[in-house]
Amino acid sequence: MLVKHEVNGNKGGFYAIEEGKTIGEMTYSAAGPGKIIIDHTEVDPEEKGKGIGHVLLMKAVEYARENNVKILPLCPFAKASFDRDVNIRDVLF
């Protein structure tokens, strides 16, 4: 599985791609300098339960750490993941 990061203006996303098909996505909006809001996570129903959402979240956390960005997780999946894992809370806004 390949994870691509795309940015288009003040919107962006991390996309899980397998065999040329997008099987998951986590999208965000810029919320000013150094802040992003994760607003949506979706995984192909046939791929659920494989940890794809977690992989996408970890790519977002990696991006935030490398670029000194803070994350506000409005998406229920992302919020629940931050609530569960204390090791990624350093990037929370």
N, C-alpha and C. Protein backbone atom coordinates (compact mmCIF):
# COMPACT_ATOMS: atom_id res chain seq x y z
N MET A 1 0.84 -1.18 0.00
CA MET A 1 0.00 0.00 0.00
C MET A 1 0.89 1.24 0.00
N LEU A 2 0.54 2.18 -0.83
CA LEU A 2 1.23 3.45 -0.95
C LEU A 2 0.33 4.52 -0.33
N VAL A 3 0.92 5.45 0.41
CA VAL A 3 0.15 6.58 0.95
C VAL A 3 0.68 7.85 0.30
N LYS A 4 -0.21 8.55 -0.40
CA LYS A 4 0.14 9.81 -1.05
C LYS A 4 -0.42 10.97 -0.25
N HIS A 5 0.35 12.06 -0.19
CA HIS A 5 -0.11 13.30 0.44
C HIS A 5 -0.30 14.31 -0.66
N GLU A 6 -1.49 14.87 -0.74
CA GLU A 6 -1.79 15.88 -1.75
C GLU A 6 -2.29 17.14 -1.06
N VAL A 7 -1.87 18.29 -1.60
CA VAL A 7 -2.31 19.59 -1.07
C VAL A 7 -2.86 20.39 -2.24
N ASN A 8 -4.03 21.00 -2.01
CA ASN A 8 -4.65 21.83 -3.04
C ASN A 8 -5.19 23.08 -2.35
N GLY A 9 -4.40 24.15 -2.38
CA GLY A 9 -4.80 25.37 -1.69
C GLY A 9 -4.74 25.16 -0.19
N ASN A 10 -5.86 25.44 0.49
CA ASN A 10 -5.88 25.26 1.94
C ASN A 10 -6.47 23.91 2.36
N LYS A 11 -6.62 23.01 1.41
CA LYS A 11 -7.13 21.67 1.68
C LYS A 11 -6.04 20.65 1.35
N GLY A 12 -6.12 19.50 2.00
CA GLY A 12 -5.15 18.45 1.72
C GLY A 12 -5.70 17.11 2.15
N GLY A 13 -4.92 16.09 1.86
CA GLY A 13 -5.35 14.76 2.26
C GLY A 13 -4.25 13.74 2.11
N PHE A 14 -4.43 12.65 2.83
CA PHE A 14 -3.57 11.49 2.73
C PHE A 14 -4.42 10.38 2.13
N TYR A 15 -3.89 9.74 1.08
CA TYR A 15 -4.67 8.77 0.33
C TYR A 15 -3.93 7.44 0.28
N ALA A 16 -4.62 6.38 0.70
CA ALA A 16 -4.07 5.02 0.66
C ALA A 16 -4.42 4.43 -0.70
N ILE A 17 -3.39 3.99 -1.42
CA ILE A 17 -3.59 3.48 -2.77
C ILE A 17 -2.99 2.08 -2.86
N GLU A 18 -3.79 1.19 -3.42
CA GLU A 18 -3.34 -0.18 -3.62
C GLU A 18 -3.77 -0.62 -5.01
N GLU A 19 -2.83 -1.11 -5.78
CA GLU A 19 -3.09 -1.56 -7.15
C GLU A 19 -3.82 -0.50 -7.97
N GLY A 20 -3.40 0.76 -7.80
CA GLY A 20 -3.97 1.86 -8.58
C GLY A 20 -5.32 2.36 -8.09
N LYS A 21 -5.84 1.78 -7.01
CA LYS A 21 -7.17 2.14 -6.51
C LYS A 21 -7.03 2.82 -5.14
N THR A 22 -7.76 3.94 -4.95
CA THR A 22 -7.77 4.60 -3.65
C THR A 22 -8.67 3.78 -2.72
N ILE A 23 -8.08 3.29 -1.63
CA ILE A 23 -8.83 2.44 -0.70
C ILE A 23 -9.09 3.15 0.63
N GLY A 24 -8.53 4.33 0.80
CA GLY A 24 -8.78 5.09 2.01
C GLY A 24 -8.30 6.52 1.87
N GLU A 25 -8.93 7.42 2.63
CA GLU A 25 -8.52 8.82 2.60
C GLU A 25 -8.76 9.48 3.94
N MET A 26 -7.89 10.43 4.24
CA MET A 26 -8.05 11.28 5.43
C MET A 26 -7.81 12.70 4.93
N THR A 27 -8.82 13.55 5.04
CA THR A 27 -8.71 14.90 4.50
C THR A 27 -8.63 15.92 5.62
N TYR A 28 -8.06 17.06 5.28
CA TYR A 28 -7.91 18.14 6.26
C TYR A 28 -8.01 19.49 5.58
N SER A 29 -8.22 20.52 6.42
CA SER A 29 -8.22 21.91 5.98
C SER A 29 -7.21 22.67 6.81
N ALA A 30 -6.54 23.62 6.19
CA ALA A 30 -5.63 24.49 6.93
C ALA A 30 -6.46 25.41 7.81
N ALA A 31 -5.97 25.65 9.02
CA ALA A 31 -6.70 26.51 9.97
C ALA A 31 -5.77 27.61 10.44
N GLY A 32 -5.11 28.24 9.51
CA GLY A 32 -4.14 29.27 9.86
C GLY A 32 -2.74 28.70 9.84
N PRO A 33 -1.76 29.54 10.11
CA PRO A 33 -0.37 29.08 10.06
C PRO A 33 -0.10 28.00 11.10
N GLY A 34 0.43 26.89 10.64
CA GLY A 34 0.85 25.84 11.56
C GLY A 34 -0.26 25.01 12.17
N LYS A 35 -1.47 25.05 11.59
CA LYS A 35 -2.59 24.29 12.13
C LYS A 35 -3.40 23.66 11.00
N ILE A 36 -3.80 22.39 11.22
CA ILE A 36 -4.71 21.74 10.29
C ILE A 36 -5.84 21.09 11.07
N ILE A 37 -6.99 20.98 10.41
CA ILE A 37 -8.16 20.32 10.99
C ILE A 37 -8.42 19.06 10.17
N ILE A 38 -8.29 17.90 10.81
CA ILE A 38 -8.67 16.65 10.13
C ILE A 38 -10.19 16.58 10.19
N ASP A 39 -10.82 16.58 9.00
CA ASP A 39 -12.27 16.66 8.95
C ASP A 39 -12.97 15.41 8.44
N HIS A 40 -12.21 14.46 7.89
CA HIS A 40 -12.87 13.30 7.30
C HIS A 40 -11.89 12.14 7.14
N THR A 41 -12.35 10.95 7.49
CA THR A 41 -11.59 9.73 7.23
C THR A 41 -12.57 8.71 6.67
N GLU A 42 -12.16 8.07 5.59
CA GLU A 42 -13.02 7.06 4.98
C GLU A 42 -12.16 5.94 4.41
N VAL A 43 -12.62 4.71 4.62
CA VAL A 43 -11.93 3.53 4.09
C VAL A 43 -12.94 2.73 3.29
N ASP A 44 -12.51 2.22 2.15
CA ASP A 44 -13.35 1.37 1.31
C ASP A 44 -13.95 0.26 2.18
N PRO A 45 -15.26 0.03 2.10
CA PRO A 45 -15.90 -0.99 2.94
C PRO A 45 -15.24 -2.37 2.83
N GLU A 46 -14.73 -2.71 1.67
CA GLU A 46 -14.08 -4.01 1.49
C GLU A 46 -12.73 -4.08 2.21
N GLU A 47 -12.19 -2.94 2.60
CA GLU A 47 -10.86 -2.88 3.22
C GLU A 47 -10.93 -2.59 4.73
N LYS A 48 -12.12 -2.44 5.26
CA LYS A 48 -12.27 -2.10 6.69
C LYS A 48 -11.68 -3.20 7.56
N GLY A 49 -11.14 -2.78 8.71
CA GLY A 49 -10.57 -3.73 9.66
C GLY A 49 -9.12 -4.08 9.40
N LYS A 50 -8.52 -3.45 8.41
CA LYS A 50 -7.12 -3.73 8.05
C LYS A 50 -6.14 -2.69 8.59
N GLY A 51 -6.64 -1.72 9.34
CA GLY A 51 -5.77 -0.71 9.93
C GLY A 51 -5.39 0.42 8.99
N ILE A 52 -6.11 0.57 7.89
CA ILE A 52 -5.78 1.60 6.90
C ILE A 52 -5.99 3.00 7.48
N GLY A 53 -7.06 3.20 8.24
CA GLY A 53 -7.30 4.49 8.87
C GLY A 53 -6.17 4.87 9.80
N HIS A 54 -5.67 3.89 10.54
CA HIS A 54 -4.55 4.14 11.46
C HIS A 54 -3.29 4.52 10.69
N VAL A 55 -3.02 3.85 9.59
CA VAL A 55 -1.86 4.17 8.76
C VAL A 55 -1.96 5.62 8.27
N LEU A 56 -3.15 6.02 7.81
CA LEU A 56 -3.35 7.39 7.34
C LEU A 56 -3.14 8.40 8.46
N LEU A 57 -3.66 8.09 9.64
CA LEU A 57 -3.48 8.99 10.77
C LEU A 57 -2.00 9.12 11.12
N MET A 58 -1.27 8.03 11.10
CA MET A 58 0.15 8.10 11.43
C MET A 58 0.93 8.92 10.39
N LYS A 59 0.50 8.87 9.14
CA LYS A 59 1.13 9.73 8.12
C LYS A 59 0.84 11.20 8.41
N ALA A 60 -0.38 11.50 8.86
CA ALA A 60 -0.72 12.88 9.22
C ALA A 60 0.11 13.34 10.41
N VAL A 61 0.28 12.47 11.40
CA VAL A 61 1.09 12.80 12.58
C VAL A 61 2.54 13.01 12.17
N GLU A 62 3.05 12.15 11.31
CA GLU A 62 4.43 12.29 10.81
C GLU A 62 4.60 13.62 10.08
N TYR A 63 3.63 13.96 9.23
CA TYR A 63 3.67 15.24 8.51
C TYR A 63 3.66 16.41 9.51
N ALA A 64 2.80 16.33 10.52
CA ALA A 64 2.71 17.41 11.51
C ALA A 64 4.03 17.58 12.26
N ARG A 65 4.64 16.48 12.65
CA ARG A 65 5.91 16.56 13.38
C ARG A 65 7.02 17.14 12.50
N GLU A 66 7.08 16.71 11.26
CA GLU A 66 8.14 17.17 10.36
C GLU A 66 7.99 18.63 9.97
N ASN A 67 6.75 19.14 10.01
CA ASN A 67 6.49 20.51 9.54
C ASN A 67 6.04 21.45 10.65
N ASN A 68 6.20 21.02 11.91
CA ASN A 68 5.83 21.84 13.06
C ASN A 68 4.39 22.35 12.95
N VAL A 69 3.49 21.40 12.68
CA VAL A 69 2.07 21.70 12.51
C VAL A 69 1.29 21.03 13.64
N LYS A 70 0.26 21.70 14.11
CA LYS A 70 -0.62 21.13 15.13
C LYS A 70 -1.91 20.66 14.46
N ILE A 71 -2.52 19.61 15.02
CA ILE A 71 -3.72 19.00 14.45
C ILE A 71 -4.91 19.17 15.39
N LEU A 72 -6.03 19.58 14.82
CA LEU A 72 -7.31 19.59 15.52
C LEU A 72 -8.15 18.48 14.88
N PRO A 73 -8.39 17.38 15.58
CA PRO A 73 -9.12 16.25 14.98
C PRO A 73 -10.64 16.38 15.16
N LEU A 74 -11.34 16.91 14.17
CA LEU A 74 -12.79 17.00 14.22
C LEU A 74 -13.45 15.72 13.73
N CYS A 75 -12.79 14.99 12.89
CA CYS A 75 -13.30 13.71 12.40
C CYS A 75 -13.39 12.74 13.59
N PRO A 76 -14.52 12.04 13.76
CA PRO A 76 -14.68 11.14 14.90
C PRO A 76 -13.60 10.05 14.97
N PHE A 77 -13.19 9.51 13.84
CA PHE A 77 -12.15 8.48 13.86
C PHE A 77 -10.83 9.06 14.39
N ALA A 78 -10.43 10.20 13.86
CA ALA A 78 -9.17 10.81 14.28
C ALA A 78 -9.23 11.21 15.76
N LYS A 79 -10.36 11.78 16.19
CA LYS A 79 -10.49 12.18 17.59
C LYS A 79 -10.37 10.96 18.51
N ALA A 80 -11.05 9.88 18.17
CA ALA A 80 -10.99 8.66 18.99
C ALA A 80 -9.57 8.10 19.03
N SER A 81 -8.87 8.19 17.91
CA SER A 81 -7.49 7.69 17.85
C SER A 81 -6.58 8.50 18.75
N PHE A 82 -6.73 9.82 18.75
CA PHE A 82 -5.92 10.67 19.64
C PHE A 82 -6.29 10.41 21.10
N ASP A 83 -7.56 10.16 21.37
CA ASP A 83 -7.98 9.87 22.74
C ASP A 83 -7.35 8.57 23.25
N ARG A 84 -7.19 7.59 22.37
CA ARG A 84 -6.64 6.29 22.74
C ARG A 84 -5.12 6.27 22.88
N ASP A 85 -4.42 7.03 22.03
CA ASP A 85 -2.96 6.90 21.92
C ASP A 85 -2.26 8.16 22.44
N VAL A 86 -1.71 8.06 23.65
CA VAL A 86 -1.02 9.21 24.25
C VAL A 86 0.27 9.57 23.50
N ASN A 87 0.81 8.64 22.74
CA ASN A 87 2.09 8.86 22.06
C ASN A 87 2.01 9.79 20.86
N ILE A 88 0.80 10.14 20.43
CA ILE A 88 0.69 11.04 19.29
C ILE A 88 0.10 12.39 19.68
N ARG A 89 -0.16 12.57 20.95
CA ARG A 89 -0.83 13.81 21.39
C ARG A 89 0.08 15.04 21.33
N ASP A 90 1.36 14.85 21.07
CA ASP A 90 2.27 16.00 20.98
C ASP A 90 1.91 16.92 19.83
N VAL A 91 1.16 16.42 18.85
CA VAL A 91 0.79 17.27 17.70
C VAL A 91 -0.62 17.85 17.83
N LEU A 92 -1.29 17.58 18.95
CA LEU A 92 -2.65 18.11 19.11
C LEU A 92 -2.63 19.62 19.31
N PHE A 93 -3.65 20.26 18.78
CA PHE A 93 -3.85 21.70 18.95
C PHE A 93 -4.79 21.91 20.11
